[in-house]
Amino acid sequence: MASAGEFDVSRFIDERRLNRFNASLVIWSFFIVLFDGYDITAISFAAPELIKTWGIANRAELGPIFSSSLFGILIGSPLFGYIGDRYGRKIAVIGSCLIFGAFTLLACWAGSLRELFYLRFVAGIGLGGLLPNLIALNAEYAPRRLRATLIIVMFTGITFGGAVPGAISVWLVPQYGWQAIFAVGGVLPILMAVGAALQLPESLKHVVVRDDRAQADRLLALLKPDRAPDAATRLVVADEKVYRGFNPKYLFADGLALITPLLWICFACNLMGFYFLLSWLPTLLTGAKLPPSEAAIATALVQIGGTVGGLALTRPIDAKGFLPVTILFACSVLAVGALGYVGLSSAAALMAIVFLAGFCVLGLQFGLNAASAMIYPTSVRSNGSGWAFGVGRVGSVLGPIVGGVLIGMKMPLQELFLWATVPFIVGAVACGALTRLYVARFGTYALRTAR
């Protein structure tokens, strides 16, 4: 609690009503994270034209290209998490946009698969910095009662971004070739970096923790408190422990020794299962004699269901923390397992089960994203989210690979989808343990910052 002569910015933000400032921040963040969704599907839509233009005989040669940006994100998330905590969220977001945009644009001039691999790898490093820092920035301006809600609303930009390359492949690729996908995906992030430099605020909590009083006063002027602190009043973040510099051990301090690794396991398991579905669901359904048009619709329903699931999870996470995420993990086991049985009995049943799988799998990922920002203090928040995303990307790389191995074993579709439930079973157990530990540590289901 702040003492006399102190102004607690955490209390000030928690007691504020949402206004145009918060709306502007969420909207800008929504359009920036849209590029994460864009990158997930961009290479999938560019691949057919690449095969035709470059005369690629063996489609397996494109495998490394599909995963190259994921390897970059694995490095970029913790790297830019550190930059965000050290130099500021805004600087990290701008740098991430510029790197991602520039190297995605350079991919237009790639002349070989090797060149395309390296360009997408470096672009992935830049892309990896967006989510941890935007999560931290939005969390640090959101009242505690609405923190998960605002973060998840921002994250719906990913699912919308995933649909954009498909539209470009229809409208621009026939005339301009596969380069059109990378041109749009490169130019827009660069323009967004310029917009972020002009419009995106730095985190007030971050500059207070870094003792930058001049910048803190400028940000407070934008927020217009009823009683502005005078020069003699000390600005504090009273409800958090402040670390100077960064050491990975800080992510395990103050009761987080088991909570942090369990959070990482949840990220890795869910992203492994999600990327397995995203990568192989169209192939599996088409191989099961489903018309390609219906397979495409079913795959799109994963994203739509995920958006609905994420939005449905906003208030429960604000109130009950990891508990609703644990429930969705358990539901994911049932939904994914049912894909091999109920889902193929009829088109209507298929669409319903796929929608439910997306609701659970992608919806709970939105919840994990929000939670990662809410348990770490300001001075290590970007690092906390960055490391969770970085470790999680190991799962996103393994998902398509393990899926390919299982498909290569030519097992029945029902058995294959049962194997696909394994990461969700592990994730459900880990999240259940995490929930119990969290309640034991903080005495409540509602997410609190470690201190």
Protein backbone atom coordinates (compact mmCIF):
# COMPACT_ATOMS: atom_id res chain seq x y z
CA MET A 1 0.00 0.00 0.00
CA ALA A 2 1.27 3.48 -0.86
CA SER A 3 2.17 5.70 2.11
CA ALA A 4 1.67 9.45 2.53
CA GLY A 5 3.59 11.36 -0.10
CA GLU A 6 3.26 8.50 -2.61
CA PHE A 7 1.00 8.02 -5.64
CA ASP A 8 0.24 4.35 -6.36
CA VAL A 9 -0.18 3.99 -10.14
CA SER A 10 -1.48 0.40 -9.73
CA ARG A 11 -4.35 1.58 -7.57
CA PHE A 12 -5.00 4.51 -9.91
CA ILE A 13 -5.26 2.17 -12.94
CA ASP A 14 -7.38 -0.39 -11.06
CA GLU A 15 -9.88 2.28 -10.00
CA ARG A 16 -10.16 3.97 -13.40
CA ARG A 17 -13.08 3.40 -15.71
CA LEU A 18 -12.30 2.25 -19.22
CA ASN A 19 -12.21 5.12 -21.68
CA ARG A 20 -11.00 6.15 -25.13
CA PHE A 21 -7.36 5.62 -24.09
CA ASN A 22 -7.94 1.91 -23.38
CA ALA A 23 -10.02 1.47 -26.52
CA SER A 24 -7.28 3.02 -28.67
CA LEU A 25 -4.62 0.79 -27.11
CA VAL A 26 -6.65 -2.39 -27.64
CA ILE A 27 -7.48 -1.45 -31.25
CA TRP A 28 -3.85 -0.71 -32.14
CA SER A 29 -2.76 -3.95 -30.45
CA PHE A 30 -5.48 -5.90 -32.29
CA PHE A 31 -4.18 -4.80 -35.68
CA ILE A 32 -0.55 -5.45 -34.72
CA VAL A 33 -1.17 -9.02 -33.47
CA LEU A 34 -3.12 -9.61 -36.67
CA PHE A 35 0.27 -10.20 -38.30
CA ASP A 36 0.93 -13.19 -36.04
CA GLY A 37 -2.19 -14.84 -37.44
CA TYR A 38 -1.21 -13.73 -40.94
CA ASP A 39 2.16 -15.46 -40.69
CA ILE A 40 0.63 -18.72 -39.41
CA THR A 41 -1.28 -19.25 -42.66
CA ALA A 42 0.73 -17.18 -45.17
CA ILE A 43 3.11 -19.92 -46.27
CA SER A 44 0.22 -22.39 -46.62
CA PHE A 45 -1.40 -20.16 -49.24
CA ALA A 46 1.90 -19.30 -50.93
CA ALA A 47 3.00 -22.95 -51.15
CA PRO A 48 0.90 -24.05 -54.16
CA GLU A 49 2.20 -21.17 -56.28
CA LEU A 50 5.78 -21.79 -55.08
CA ILE A 51 5.53 -25.44 -56.13
CA LYS A 52 4.32 -24.43 -59.58
CA THR A 53 6.71 -21.51 -60.12
CA TRP A 54 9.87 -23.18 -58.81
CA GLY A 55 9.03 -26.64 -60.12
CA ILE A 56 9.27 -28.32 -56.72
CA ALA A 57 8.79 -32.03 -57.33
CA ASN A 58 8.85 -33.21 -53.72
CA ARG A 59 6.44 -31.26 -51.55
CA ALA A 60 8.28 -32.45 -48.45
CA GLU A 61 11.00 -29.92 -49.37
CA LEU A 62 8.62 -27.21 -48.16
CA GLY A 63 8.53 -28.71 -44.66
CA PRO A 64 11.39 -26.59 -43.28
CA ILE A 65 9.82 -23.46 -44.78
CA PHE A 66 6.61 -24.10 -42.84
CA SER A 67 8.49 -24.26 -39.54
CA SER A 68 11.23 -21.67 -40.16
CA SER A 69 9.33 -18.71 -38.69
CA LEU A 70 8.34 -20.85 -35.68
CA PHE A 71 12.02 -21.47 -34.92
CA GLY A 72 12.56 -17.72 -35.17
CA ILE A 73 9.67 -17.02 -32.80
CA LEU A 74 11.18 -19.50 -30.33
CA ILE A 75 14.24 -17.22 -30.15
CA GLY A 76 12.48 -13.89 -30.59
CA SER A 77 9.94 -14.27 -27.78
CA PRO A 78 12.41 -14.43 -24.86
CA LEU A 79 14.84 -12.06 -26.63
CA PHE A 80 12.29 -9.30 -27.12
CA GLY A 81 10.77 -10.09 -23.74
CA TYR A 82 14.11 -9.03 -22.28
CA ILE A 83 14.23 -5.94 -24.51
CA GLY A 84 10.70 -5.00 -23.44
CA ASP A 85 11.56 -5.19 -19.73
CA ARG A 86 14.90 -3.45 -20.21
CA TYR A 87 14.09 -0.68 -22.70
CA GLY A 88 10.30 -0.51 -22.84
CA ARG A 89 7.33 -2.27 -24.39
CA LYS A 90 6.85 0.35 -27.09
CA ILE A 91 10.45 0.14 -28.33
CA ALA A 92 10.26 -3.66 -28.42
CA VAL A 93 6.98 -3.62 -30.40
CA ILE A 94 8.32 -1.13 -32.94
CA GLY A 95 11.55 -3.10 -33.38
CA SER A 96 9.62 -6.34 -33.77
CA CYS A 97 7.34 -4.85 -36.43
CA LEU A 98 10.29 -3.46 -38.40
CA ILE A 99 12.29 -6.70 -38.36
CA PHE A 100 9.29 -8.86 -39.19
CA GLY A 101 8.11 -6.50 -41.92
CA ALA A 102 11.51 -5.97 -43.54
CA PHE A 103 12.46 -9.64 -43.78
CA THR A 104 8.97 -10.70 -44.87
CA LEU A 105 9.18 -8.11 -47.65
CA LEU A 106 12.65 -9.35 -48.64
CA ALA A 107 11.14 -12.81 -49.10
CA CYS A 108 9.59 -11.46 -52.32
CA TRP A 109 13.08 -11.61 -53.86
CA ALA A 110 13.99 -15.08 -52.55
CA GLY A 111 15.39 -17.22 -55.34
CA SER A 112 15.59 -20.56 -53.57
CA LEU A 113 14.09 -22.51 -50.71
CA ARG A 114 17.26 -21.95 -48.68
CA GLU A 115 16.98 -18.17 -49.04
CA LEU A 116 13.28 -18.27 -48.18
CA PHE A 117 14.02 -20.39 -45.09
CA TYR A 118 16.55 -17.91 -43.68
CA LEU A 119 14.42 -14.86 -44.46
CA ARG A 120 11.38 -16.36 -42.74
CA PHE A 121 13.54 -17.45 -39.81
CA VAL A 122 14.74 -13.88 -39.17
CA ALA A 123 11.22 -12.54 -39.74
CA GLY A 124 10.07 -14.99 -37.07
CA ILE A 125 12.56 -13.53 -34.58
CA GLY A 126 10.90 -10.16 -35.05
CA LEU A 127 7.42 -11.63 -34.92
CA GLY A 128 8.24 -13.35 -31.64
CA GLY A 129 8.56 -10.00 -29.89
CA LEU A 130 5.04 -8.77 -30.61
CA LEU A 131 2.87 -10.90 -28.35
CA PRO A 132 4.86 -10.77 -25.07
CA ASN A 133 5.18 -7.00 -25.17
CA LEU A 134 1.65 -6.23 -26.31
CA ILE A 135 0.32 -8.55 -23.61
CA ALA A 136 2.42 -6.74 -21.00
CA LEU A 137 1.45 -3.28 -22.30
CA ASN A 138 -2.28 -4.00 -22.28
CA ALA A 139 -2.10 -5.72 -18.89
CA GLU A 140 -0.36 -2.71 -17.38
CA TYR A 141 -3.08 -0.29 -18.46
CA ALA A 142 -6.06 -2.55 -17.70
CA PRO A 143 -7.92 -2.54 -14.36
CA ARG A 144 -7.41 -5.85 -12.58
CA ARG A 145 -11.12 -6.68 -12.87
CA LEU A 146 -10.95 -6.50 -16.71
CA ARG A 147 -7.35 -7.46 -17.42
CA ALA A 148 -7.98 -10.85 -19.03
CA THR A 149 -10.95 -9.46 -20.94
CA LEU A 150 -8.95 -6.74 -22.69
CA ILE A 151 -6.00 -9.04 -23.44
CA ILE A 152 -8.24 -11.71 -24.99
CA VAL A 153 -10.17 -9.15 -27.07
CA MET A 154 -6.81 -7.95 -28.40
CA PHE A 155 -5.83 -11.53 -29.22
CA THR A 156 -8.80 -12.12 -31.48
CA GLY A 157 -6.78 -10.19 -34.06
CA ILE A 158 -4.76 -13.38 -34.59
CA THR A 159 -7.74 -15.33 -35.89
CA PHE A 160 -8.77 -12.51 -38.20
CA GLY A 161 -5.20 -12.25 -39.46
CA GLY A 162 -5.19 -15.93 -40.33
CA ALA A 163 -7.93 -15.32 -42.90
CA VAL A 164 -6.16 -12.48 -44.76
CA PRO A 165 -3.65 -14.58 -46.79
CA GLY A 166 -6.54 -16.63 -48.14
CA ALA A 167 -8.19 -13.51 -49.51
CA ILE A 168 -4.90 -12.32 -51.02
CA SER A 169 -4.35 -15.72 -52.65
CA VAL A 170 -7.69 -15.29 -54.42
CA TRP A 171 -7.43 -11.63 -55.40
CA LEU A 172 -3.72 -10.88 -55.93
CA VAL A 173 -1.73 -14.11 -56.34
CA PRO A 174 -3.23 -15.00 -59.77
CA GLN A 175 -1.99 -11.66 -61.12
CA TYR A 176 1.17 -10.98 -59.11
CA GLY A 177 2.32 -14.44 -58.02
CA TRP A 178 3.23 -15.80 -54.59
CA GLN A 179 5.24 -12.65 -53.91
CA ALA A 180 1.98 -10.75 -53.29
CA ILE A 181 1.44 -12.60 -50.01
CA PHE A 182 4.86 -11.59 -48.68
CA ALA A 183 4.63 -8.05 -50.09
CA VAL A 184 1.42 -7.34 -48.18
CA GLY A 185 2.76 -9.15 -45.11
CA GLY A 186 5.92 -7.04 -45.23
CA VAL A 187 4.69 -3.55 -46.07
CA LEU A 188 1.82 -3.44 -43.57
CA PRO A 189 3.95 -4.24 -40.45
CA ILE A 190 6.41 -1.51 -41.47
CA LEU A 191 3.55 0.98 -41.76
CA MET A 192 2.20 -0.30 -38.45
CA ALA A 193 5.60 0.33 -36.83
CA VAL A 194 5.35 3.97 -37.91
CA GLY A 195 1.83 4.18 -36.50
CA ALA A 196 2.95 2.55 -33.24
CA ALA A 197 5.79 5.07 -32.91
CA LEU A 198 3.27 7.90 -33.20
CA GLN A 199 0.28 6.49 -31.31
CA LEU A 200 1.27 3.63 -28.99
CA PRO A 201 1.97 4.71 -25.38
CA GLU A 202 4.77 3.35 -23.27
CA SER A 203 3.70 1.48 -20.14
CA LEU A 204 3.16 3.83 -17.20
CA LYS A 205 4.00 1.08 -14.72
CA HIS A 206 7.19 0.28 -16.61
CA VAL A 207 8.49 3.86 -16.59
CA VAL A 208 7.63 4.20 -12.89
CA VAL A 209 9.54 1.00 -12.11
CA ARG A 210 12.45 2.36 -14.20
CA ASP A 211 12.32 5.69 -12.28
CA ASP A 212 11.68 7.78 -15.41
CA ARG A 213 9.66 10.55 -13.75
CA ALA A 214 9.56 12.86 -16.76
CA GLN A 215 7.98 10.25 -19.02
CA ALA A 216 5.68 9.09 -16.23
CA ASP A 217 4.33 12.64 -15.85
CA ARG A 218 3.66 12.84 -19.59
CA LEU A 219 1.75 9.55 -19.51
CA LEU A 220 -0.22 10.60 -16.44
CA ALA A 221 -1.24 13.76 -18.28
CA LEU A 222 -2.77 11.54 -20.99
CA LEU A 223 -4.66 9.51 -18.39
CA LYS A 224 -5.96 12.64 -16.62
CA PRO A 225 -6.19 11.56 -12.98
CA ASP A 226 -8.63 13.45 -10.76
CA ARG A 227 -5.74 14.44 -8.53
CA ALA A 228 -2.47 14.74 -10.42
CA PRO A 229 0.58 14.11 -8.19
CA ASP A 230 2.87 17.08 -7.68
CA ALA A 231 6.63 16.98 -8.16
CA ALA A 232 7.21 16.16 -4.49
CA THR A 233 4.96 13.08 -4.62
CA ARG A 234 6.77 9.81 -5.27
CA LEU A 235 5.27 7.52 -7.91
CA VAL A 236 5.17 3.84 -6.91
CA VAL A 237 3.80 0.47 -8.02
CA ALA A 238 2.85 -0.57 -4.51
CA ASP A 239 1.35 -4.01 -5.16
CA GLU A 240 4.39 -5.53 -6.89
CA LYS A 241 7.95 -6.47 -6.11
CA VAL A 242 10.45 -4.50 -8.21
CA TYR A 243 13.50 -6.26 -9.67
CA ARG A 244 16.52 -4.37 -10.95
CA GLY A 245 17.83 -5.91 -14.16
CA PHE A 246 16.78 -9.41 -15.17
CA ASN A 247 17.81 -12.84 -14.03
CA PRO A 248 15.84 -15.93 -15.12
CA LYS A 249 15.55 -16.92 -11.46
CA TYR A 250 13.10 -14.03 -10.98
CA LEU A 251 10.53 -16.03 -12.98
CA PHE A 252 10.66 -18.70 -10.26
CA ALA A 253 10.74 -16.42 -7.20
CA ASP A 254 8.01 -15.53 -4.71
CA GLY A 255 6.00 -18.72 -4.92
CA LEU A 256 6.41 -19.23 -8.68
CA ALA A 257 9.02 -22.02 -8.47
CA LEU A 258 6.54 -24.64 -9.69
CA ILE A 259 3.91 -22.34 -11.20
CA THR A 260 6.23 -21.06 -13.96
CA PRO A 261 7.35 -24.50 -15.28
CA LEU A 262 3.76 -25.77 -15.12
CA LEU A 263 2.66 -22.72 -17.13
CA TRP A 264 5.35 -23.54 -19.71
CA ILE A 265 4.11 -27.14 -19.93
CA CYS A 266 0.56 -25.88 -20.51
CA PHE A 267 1.76 -23.59 -23.32
CA ALA A 268 3.83 -26.32 -24.99
CA CYS A 269 1.13 -29.00 -24.75
CA ASN A 270 -1.68 -26.84 -26.06
CA LEU A 271 0.34 -25.34 -28.92
CA MET A 272 1.53 -28.81 -29.88
CA GLY A 273 -2.05 -30.04 -30.13
CA PHE A 274 -3.28 -26.88 -31.86
CA TYR A 275 -0.60 -26.90 -34.56
CA PHE A 276 -1.17 -30.61 -35.14
CA LEU A 277 -4.83 -29.83 -35.89
CA LEU A 278 -4.06 -26.71 -37.91
CA SER A 279 -1.44 -28.47 -40.05
CA TRP A 280 -3.05 -31.84 -40.68
CA LEU A 281 -6.81 -31.49 -40.24
CA PRO A 282 -7.50 -30.62 -43.93
CA THR A 283 -5.34 -33.54 -45.11
CA LEU A 284 -6.92 -35.99 -42.67
CA LEU A 285 -10.48 -35.00 -43.52
CA THR A 286 -9.82 -35.05 -47.27
CA GLY A 287 -8.20 -38.48 -46.90
CA ALA A 288 -11.34 -39.63 -45.11
CA LYS A 289 -13.27 -38.93 -48.35
CA LEU A 290 -14.64 -35.57 -47.23
CA PRO A 291 -15.00 -33.13 -50.15
CA PRO A 292 -12.16 -30.55 -50.17
CA SER A 293 -14.64 -27.67 -49.86
CA GLU A 294 -16.10 -29.14 -46.67
CA ALA A 295 -12.61 -29.87 -45.31
CA ALA A 296 -11.70 -26.20 -45.85
CA ILE A 297 -14.87 -25.06 -44.08
CA ALA A 298 -14.15 -27.41 -41.18
CA THR A 299 -10.62 -26.01 -40.83
CA ALA A 300 -11.95 -22.45 -40.83
CA LEU A 301 -14.37 -23.42 -38.06
CA VAL A 302 -11.38 -24.16 -35.80
CA GLN A 303 -10.45 -20.46 -35.94
CA ILE A 304 -14.05 -19.29 -35.61
CA GLY A 305 -14.66 -21.58 -32.65
CA GLY A 306 -11.42 -20.37 -31.07
CA THR A 307 -12.48 -16.74 -31.34
CA VAL A 308 -15.83 -17.51 -29.71
CA GLY A 309 -14.10 -19.60 -27.04
CA GLY A 310 -11.61 -16.87 -26.23
CA LEU A 311 -14.32 -14.23 -25.90
CA ALA A 312 -16.44 -16.56 -23.78
CA LEU A 313 -13.47 -17.06 -21.45
CA THR A 314 -12.84 -13.35 -20.73
CA ARG A 315 -14.95 -12.87 -17.62
CA PRO A 316 -14.40 -16.38 -16.16
CA ILE A 317 -10.62 -15.87 -16.26
CA ASP A 318 -10.89 -12.45 -14.63
CA ALA A 319 -12.94 -14.07 -11.84
CA LYS A 320 -11.50 -17.60 -11.53
CA GLY A 321 -8.02 -17.50 -13.07
CA PHE A 322 -6.66 -20.86 -14.23
CA LEU A 323 -9.75 -22.87 -13.23
CA PRO A 324 -11.72 -22.28 -16.49
CA VAL A 325 -8.53 -22.96 -18.47
CA THR A 326 -8.20 -26.34 -16.74
CA ILE A 327 -11.82 -27.14 -17.59
CA LEU A 328 -11.25 -26.28 -21.27
CA PHE A 329 -8.14 -28.49 -21.32
CA ALA A 330 -10.30 -31.42 -20.16
CA CYS A 331 -12.98 -30.56 -22.73
CA SER A 332 -10.29 -30.44 -25.44
CA VAL A 333 -9.47 -34.09 -24.75
CA LEU A 334 -13.09 -35.05 -25.40
CA ALA A 335 -13.55 -32.80 -28.44
CA VAL A 336 -10.34 -33.83 -30.23
CA GLY A 337 -10.88 -37.52 -29.45
CA ALA A 338 -14.43 -37.30 -30.81
CA LEU A 339 -13.16 -36.00 -34.17
CA GLY A 340 -12.28 -39.54 -35.22
CA TYR A 341 -15.67 -40.95 -34.28
CA VAL A 342 -18.65 -38.60 -34.10
CA GLY A 343 -17.10 -35.99 -36.38
CA LEU A 344 -17.08 -38.18 -39.50
CA SER A 345 -20.58 -39.60 -39.17
CA SER A 346 -22.18 -36.65 -40.96
CA ALA A 347 -21.27 -33.20 -42.26
CA ALA A 348 -23.34 -31.49 -39.56
CA ALA A 349 -21.75 -33.54 -36.77
CA LEU A 350 -18.30 -32.85 -38.22
CA MET A 351 -18.81 -29.09 -38.25
CA ALA A 352 -20.17 -29.13 -34.70
CA ILE A 353 -17.25 -31.16 -33.32
CA VAL A 354 -14.62 -29.12 -35.19
CA PHE A 355 -16.18 -25.89 -33.90
CA LEU A 356 -16.14 -27.32 -30.37
CA ALA A 357 -12.50 -28.38 -30.74
CA GLY A 358 -11.55 -24.86 -31.84
CA PHE A 359 -13.62 -23.36 -29.01
CA CYS A 360 -11.68 -25.42 -26.46
CA VAL A 361 -8.17 -25.59 -27.92
CA LEU A 362 -7.73 -22.07 -29.27
CA GLY A 363 -10.00 -20.56 -26.62
CA LEU A 364 -7.87 -21.91 -23.80
CA GLN A 365 -4.74 -20.64 -25.56
CA PHE A 366 -6.19 -17.13 -25.38
CA GLY A 367 -6.70 -17.76 -21.68
CA LEU A 368 -3.11 -18.90 -21.17
CA ASN A 369 -1.88 -15.82 -23.04
CA ALA A 370 -3.79 -13.55 -20.68
CA ALA A 371 -2.73 -15.47 -17.58
CA SER A 372 0.96 -15.24 -18.46
CA ALA A 373 0.75 -11.45 -18.17
CA MET A 374 -1.13 -11.40 -14.89
CA ILE A 375 1.08 -13.41 -12.55
CA TYR A 376 4.44 -11.68 -13.12
CA PRO A 377 5.38 -8.23 -11.78
CA THR A 378 5.93 -5.30 -14.15
CA SER A 379 9.73 -5.46 -14.03
CA VAL A 380 9.78 -9.01 -15.50
CA ARG A 381 6.34 -9.22 -17.17
CA SER A 382 7.57 -9.18 -20.79
CA ASN A 383 10.23 -11.74 -19.88
CA GLY A 384 7.61 -13.94 -18.21
CA SER A 385 5.32 -13.88 -21.24
CA GLY A 386 8.26 -14.14 -23.64
CA TRP A 387 9.66 -17.28 -22.03
CA ALA A 388 6.21 -18.88 -21.89
CA PHE A 389 5.72 -18.21 -25.60
CA GLY A 390 9.26 -19.33 -26.42
CA VAL A 391 8.91 -22.66 -24.63
CA GLY A 392 5.42 -23.01 -26.06
CA ARG A 393 6.76 -22.69 -29.59
CA VAL A 394 8.70 -25.91 -29.03
CA GLY A 395 5.29 -27.55 -28.93
CA SER A 396 4.15 -25.71 -32.05
CA VAL A 397 7.19 -27.06 -33.92
CA LEU A 398 6.72 -30.61 -32.63
CA GLY A 399 2.98 -30.78 -33.35
CA PRO A 400 3.19 -30.96 -37.17
CA ILE A 401 6.27 -33.23 -36.99
CA VAL A 402 4.66 -35.75 -34.63
CA GLY A 403 1.48 -35.57 -36.69
CA GLY A 404 3.44 -36.42 -39.81
CA VAL A 405 5.01 -39.43 -38.10
CA LEU A 406 1.62 -40.70 -36.92
CA ILE A 407 0.09 -40.25 -40.36
CA GLY A 408 3.06 -42.06 -41.88
CA MET A 409 2.25 -45.07 -39.69
CA LYS A 410 -1.08 -45.33 -41.57
CA MET A 411 -3.07 -45.95 -38.41
CA PRO A 412 -6.89 -45.68 -38.49
CA LEU A 413 -8.27 -42.15 -38.24
CA GLN A 414 -9.98 -42.89 -34.92
CA GLU A 415 -6.72 -44.09 -33.36
CA LEU A 416 -4.81 -41.12 -34.76
CA PHE A 417 -7.14 -38.59 -33.14
CA LEU A 418 -6.91 -40.51 -29.87
CA TRP A 419 -3.13 -40.05 -29.99
CA ALA A 420 -3.75 -36.36 -30.70
CA THR A 421 -5.42 -36.06 -27.29
CA VAL A 422 -2.19 -36.93 -25.43
CA PRO A 423 -0.80 -33.36 -25.22
CA PHE A 424 -4.18 -32.14 -23.98
CA ILE A 425 -4.27 -34.84 -21.29
CA VAL A 426 -0.80 -33.80 -20.11
CA GLY A 427 -1.83 -30.14 -20.30
CA ALA A 428 -5.00 -30.77 -18.29
CA VAL A 429 -3.02 -32.48 -15.52
CA ALA A 430 -0.41 -29.69 -15.51
CA CYS A 431 -3.05 -26.96 -15.48
CA GLY A 432 -4.96 -28.68 -12.69
CA ALA A 433 -1.78 -28.85 -10.60
CA LEU A 434 -1.01 -25.22 -11.48
CA THR A 435 -4.47 -24.16 -10.31
CA ARG A 436 -4.08 -25.93 -6.96
CA LEU A 437 -0.62 -24.46 -6.41
CA TYR A 438 -1.82 -21.00 -7.34
CA VAL A 439 -4.72 -21.10 -4.88
CA ALA A 440 -2.40 -22.44 -2.16
CA ARG A 441 0.09 -19.61 -2.83
CA PHE A 442 -2.29 -16.66 -3.25
CA GLY A 443 -5.42 -17.85 -1.42
CA THR A 444 -7.74 -17.16 -4.37
CA TYR A 445 -8.55 -18.41 -7.86
CA ALA A 446 -8.44 -14.84 -9.21
CA LEU A 447 -5.06 -14.05 -10.74
CA ARG A 448 -2.76 -11.90 -8.64
CA THR A 449 0.71 -10.57 -9.34
CA ALA A 450 3.52 -12.29 -7.44
CA ARG A 451 5.13 -10.03 -4.85
